[in-house]
Amino acid sequence: MKYSYIAKSALKHLRSGFKLPYMVMFETTLMCNMFCEYCIFGEEGKFNDLKTRAVRERIFQRIDEMCEMGIFALSFSGGEPLLNPNTSDYIAYAAEKGLWTSMPTNGLLIRKYAEGVARLDMLEVSIDSLNPQRFAKRRGIDGLAKILDNLEFVLAQRRPFTTQINAAVNLENLSDLPELGDQPSHCSQHRACSFSGQGLTAPCLPAGPAARPASARG
């Protein structure tokens, strides 16, 4: 189904002169269960209201519309996307349609929703550091061990797929990147693991939340 859809999508893009959108990022909710020092979503529960969840009845229709348009990829985002309990159903529906699917997540709920997560083409887990104390300081919650355990659980059950580790980087955790990149145990055999960092501060700026991020990725 996926290859058939990709071919049809490519044809629609060709006929349009490549003027159609290639990817949609869908915010399933603005709610978050972390309190990262560099992010507004978990800030004092600012967005932790059920009203910030997407309305289930509309989403399947929107996915149909995306497919009709020829959208190739759909990313389920947030907040923490799995705080919307319908996200697993959205992932499964999009996968059945043939869309290439991905989801950035903090990893706290991927074990609970492992069946839905298993349908993704790319799973992106946010881990800034493998140092538990530094992780807790940056993320506002002592959850590193649980996230790594959840990730191992999900990886052990899934078909080959791409796992990406996302990290918000500044001088505070810059030295942790080599260790993050050298953790094959978190990316089981026959699975690819990539690493990306955002918010790398210039050397003259202080580390921590006061640091002003510059555009960086790598």
Protein backbone atom coordinates (compact mmCIF):
# COMPACT_ATOMS: atom_id res chain seq x y z
CA MET A 1 0.00 0.00 0.00
CA LYS A 2 2.75 2.44 0.95
CA TYR A 3 4.71 2.05 -2.30
CA SER A 4 1.53 2.40 -4.34
CA TYR A 5 0.61 5.57 -2.48
CA ILE A 6 4.12 6.99 -2.84
CA ALA A 7 3.96 6.45 -6.60
CA LYS A 8 0.58 8.17 -6.84
CA SER A 9 1.79 11.01 -4.62
CA ALA A 10 4.90 11.49 -6.75
CA LEU A 11 2.76 11.66 -9.89
CA LYS A 12 0.52 14.34 -8.36
CA HIS A 13 3.57 16.39 -7.39
CA LEU A 14 4.98 16.02 -10.89
CA ARG A 15 1.74 17.13 -12.53
CA SER A 16 1.56 20.16 -10.23
CA GLY A 17 5.08 21.22 -11.12
CA PHE A 18 6.11 20.35 -7.56
CA LYS A 19 3.96 23.14 -6.12
CA LEU A 20 2.09 20.88 -3.69
CA PRO A 21 3.07 20.59 -0.03
CA TYR A 22 5.36 17.65 0.61
CA MET A 23 4.81 17.20 4.35
CA VAL A 24 2.30 18.16 7.04
CA MET A 25 3.21 18.60 10.70
CA PHE A 26 0.13 17.92 12.79
CA GLU A 27 0.05 19.16 16.40
CA THR A 28 -2.13 16.58 18.14
CA THR A 29 -2.05 18.60 21.37
CA LEU A 30 -0.14 21.41 23.06
CA MET A 31 -0.13 19.52 26.35
CA CYS A 32 3.20 18.28 27.71
CA ASN A 33 4.28 16.13 30.67
CA MET A 34 7.77 17.63 30.89
CA PHE A 35 8.94 21.04 32.06
CA CYS A 36 11.99 21.73 29.88
CA GLU A 37 13.84 24.87 30.83
CA TYR A 38 14.08 25.97 27.20
CA CYS A 39 10.50 25.21 26.08
CA ILE A 40 7.16 26.95 26.70
CA PHE A 41 4.87 23.93 26.32
CA GLY A 42 5.36 22.53 29.81
CA GLU A 43 5.75 25.92 31.46
CA GLU A 44 3.61 25.90 34.62
CA GLY A 45 1.01 23.78 32.86
CA LYS A 46 0.33 26.66 30.49
CA PHE A 47 -1.08 24.46 27.75
CA ASN A 48 -2.21 21.50 29.85
CA ASP A 49 -5.84 21.86 28.94
CA LEU A 50 -7.90 19.24 27.12
CA LYS A 51 -9.05 22.00 24.76
CA THR A 52 -5.59 21.96 23.18
CA ARG A 53 -6.16 18.43 21.87
CA ALA A 54 -7.17 17.97 18.27
CA VAL A 55 -10.80 16.90 17.82
CA ARG A 56 -10.86 13.21 16.88
CA GLU A 57 -13.85 13.39 14.53
CA ARG A 58 -12.11 15.86 12.24
CA ILE A 59 -8.71 14.24 11.99
CA PHE A 60 -9.51 11.18 9.91
CA GLN A 61 -11.23 13.44 7.37
CA ARG A 62 -8.18 15.72 7.31
CA ILE A 63 -5.89 12.73 6.69
CA ASP A 64 -8.14 11.70 3.79
CA GLU A 65 -7.84 15.23 2.40
CA MET A 66 -4.04 15.10 2.71
CA CYS A 67 -3.96 11.85 0.76
CA GLU A 68 -6.24 13.24 -1.93
CA MET A 69 -3.89 16.21 -2.27
CA GLY A 70 -0.85 13.93 -2.54
CA ILE A 71 0.89 14.77 0.74
CA PHE A 72 3.80 12.37 1.14
CA ALA A 73 4.68 12.62 4.84
CA LEU A 74 2.79 13.30 8.05
CA SER A 75 4.54 14.15 11.32
CA PHE A 76 2.59 13.90 14.58
CA SER A 77 3.81 16.65 16.88
CA GLY A 78 2.89 18.54 20.04
CA GLY A 79 3.41 19.39 22.96
CA GLU A 80 3.82 15.71 23.70
CA PRO A 81 1.76 14.05 20.94
CA LEU A 82 0.96 10.91 22.95
CA LEU A 83 -0.88 12.96 25.57
CA ASN A 84 -3.66 12.89 23.02
CA PRO A 85 -4.90 9.30 23.47
CA ASN A 86 -6.16 9.25 19.88
CA THR A 87 -2.70 9.74 18.37
CA SER A 88 -2.07 5.99 18.04
CA ASP A 89 -5.27 5.69 16.00
CA TYR A 90 -4.24 8.60 13.80
CA ILE A 91 -0.85 6.98 13.19
CA ALA A 92 -2.44 3.65 12.29
CA TYR A 93 -4.92 5.30 9.93
CA ALA A 94 -2.23 7.34 8.16
CA ALA A 95 -0.03 4.26 7.85
CA GLU A 96 -2.88 2.27 6.32
CA LYS A 97 -3.36 5.06 3.79
CA GLY A 98 0.31 4.79 2.81
CA LEU A 99 1.62 8.05 4.25
CA TRP A 100 5.20 8.15 5.54
CA THR A 101 4.81 8.88 9.24
CA SER A 102 7.05 10.23 11.97
CA MET A 103 6.66 11.50 15.54
CA PRO A 104 8.90 13.48 17.89
CA THR A 105 8.27 12.48 21.51
CA ASN A 106 9.88 12.77 24.91
CA GLY A 107 9.53 8.99 25.24
CA LEU A 108 7.62 8.82 28.52
CA LEU A 109 4.55 7.22 26.94
CA ILE A 110 5.92 5.20 24.03
CA ARG A 111 5.72 1.94 25.97
CA LYS A 112 2.07 2.58 26.86
CA TYR A 113 1.24 3.22 23.22
CA ALA A 114 3.79 0.80 21.74
CA GLU A 115 1.30 -0.76 19.33
CA GLY A 116 0.59 2.58 17.69
CA VAL A 117 4.21 3.72 17.83
CA ALA A 118 5.17 0.52 16.00
CA ARG A 119 3.35 1.80 12.91
CA LEU A 120 5.65 4.82 12.54
CA ASP A 121 8.29 5.00 9.82
CA MET A 122 10.47 7.20 12.03
CA LEU A 123 10.45 7.55 15.80
CA GLU A 124 12.18 10.65 17.18
CA VAL A 125 13.01 10.59 20.89
CA SER A 126 14.26 13.69 22.69
CA ILE A 127 17.26 12.99 24.93
CA ASP A 128 19.57 15.89 25.76
CA SER A 129 22.01 13.97 27.93
CA LEU A 130 22.71 10.51 29.34
CA ASN A 131 23.71 12.13 32.62
CA PRO A 132 20.61 11.63 34.84
CA GLN A 133 21.19 14.77 36.91
CA ARG A 134 21.74 17.00 33.88
CA PHE A 135 18.78 15.44 32.11
CA ALA A 136 16.53 16.09 35.12
CA LYS A 137 17.70 19.69 35.40
CA ARG A 138 17.06 20.44 31.74
CA ARG A 139 13.80 18.53 31.44
CA GLY A 140 12.28 19.31 34.83
CA ILE A 141 11.65 15.63 35.55
CA ASP A 142 13.77 12.66 36.60
CA GLY A 143 12.74 10.43 33.71
CA LEU A 144 15.86 9.36 31.82
CA ALA A 145 15.91 5.75 33.06
CA LYS A 146 12.23 5.27 32.19
CA ILE A 147 12.68 6.75 28.72
CA LEU A 148 15.66 4.52 27.91
CA ASP A 149 13.77 1.49 29.18
CA ASN A 150 10.72 2.44 27.10
CA LEU A 151 12.89 2.88 24.03
CA GLU A 152 14.50 -0.53 24.43
CA PHE A 153 11.03 -2.07 24.84
CA VAL A 154 9.70 -0.46 21.66
CA LEU A 155 12.80 -1.22 19.61
CA ALA A 156 12.64 -4.90 20.56
CA GLN A 157 9.13 -5.22 19.14
CA ARG A 158 9.32 -3.30 15.91
CA ARG A 159 10.16 -4.01 12.31
CA PRO A 160 13.24 -2.23 10.90
CA PHE A 161 12.68 1.50 11.06
CA THR A 162 14.51 4.75 11.69
CA THR A 163 15.12 6.00 15.20
CA GLN A 164 16.32 9.55 15.64
CA ILE A 165 17.63 11.02 18.87
CA ASN A 166 16.84 14.74 19.12
CA ALA A 167 18.74 16.98 21.49
CA ALA A 168 18.42 20.66 22.33
CA VAL A 169 22.05 21.66 22.65
CA ASN A 170 23.84 24.49 24.43
CA LEU A 171 27.14 24.73 26.25
CA GLU A 172 25.67 23.00 29.29
CA ASN A 173 25.32 19.65 27.49
CA LEU A 174 27.60 20.07 24.48
CA SER A 175 30.17 17.66 25.95
CA ASP A 176 27.47 14.97 26.24
CA LEU A 177 26.95 14.66 22.48
CA PRO A 178 29.69 12.08 21.80
CA GLU A 179 28.21 9.75 24.41
CA LEU A 180 24.74 10.19 22.94
CA GLY A 181 26.03 9.42 19.47
CA ASP A 182 27.90 6.32 20.64
CA GLN A 183 24.98 4.46 22.18
CA PRO A 184 24.24 1.58 19.78
CA SER A 185 22.34 -0.20 22.54
CA HIS A 186 19.52 2.29 22.05
CA CYS A 187 19.29 1.45 18.35
CA SER A 188 18.97 -2.28 17.88
CA GLN A 189 20.53 -4.21 15.03
CA HIS A 190 19.09 -3.54 11.55
CA ARG A 191 17.79 -0.15 12.66
CA ALA A 192 19.28 3.20 11.82
CA CYS A 193 19.89 5.79 14.49
CA SER A 194 20.57 9.42 13.68
CA PHE A 195 21.33 12.33 15.94
CA SER A 196 20.39 15.97 15.57
CA GLY A 197 20.89 18.96 17.81
CA GLN A 198 19.13 22.30 17.85
CA GLY A 199 19.82 25.52 19.69
CA LEU A 200 23.62 25.37 19.79
CA THR A 201 24.83 28.49 21.54
CA ALA A 202 27.75 30.60 20.45
CA PRO A 203 30.88 30.13 22.65
CA CYS A 204 30.58 33.65 24.07
CA LEU A 205 27.10 33.03 25.45
CA PRO A 206 26.31 31.48 28.83
CA ALA A 207 24.95 27.96 29.08
CA GLY A 208 21.49 27.22 30.41
CA PRO A 209 18.09 28.77 29.74
CA ALA A 210 19.46 32.29 29.55
CA ALA A 211 21.53 31.41 26.51
CA ARG A 212 20.12 32.74 23.28
CA PRO A 213 19.97 29.88 20.73
CA ALA A 214 21.38 30.29 17.25
CA SER A 215 20.23 28.27 14.28
CA ALA A 216 22.23 25.07 14.31
CA ARG A 217 21.67 21.47 13.46
CA GLY A 218 24.11 18.60 13.34
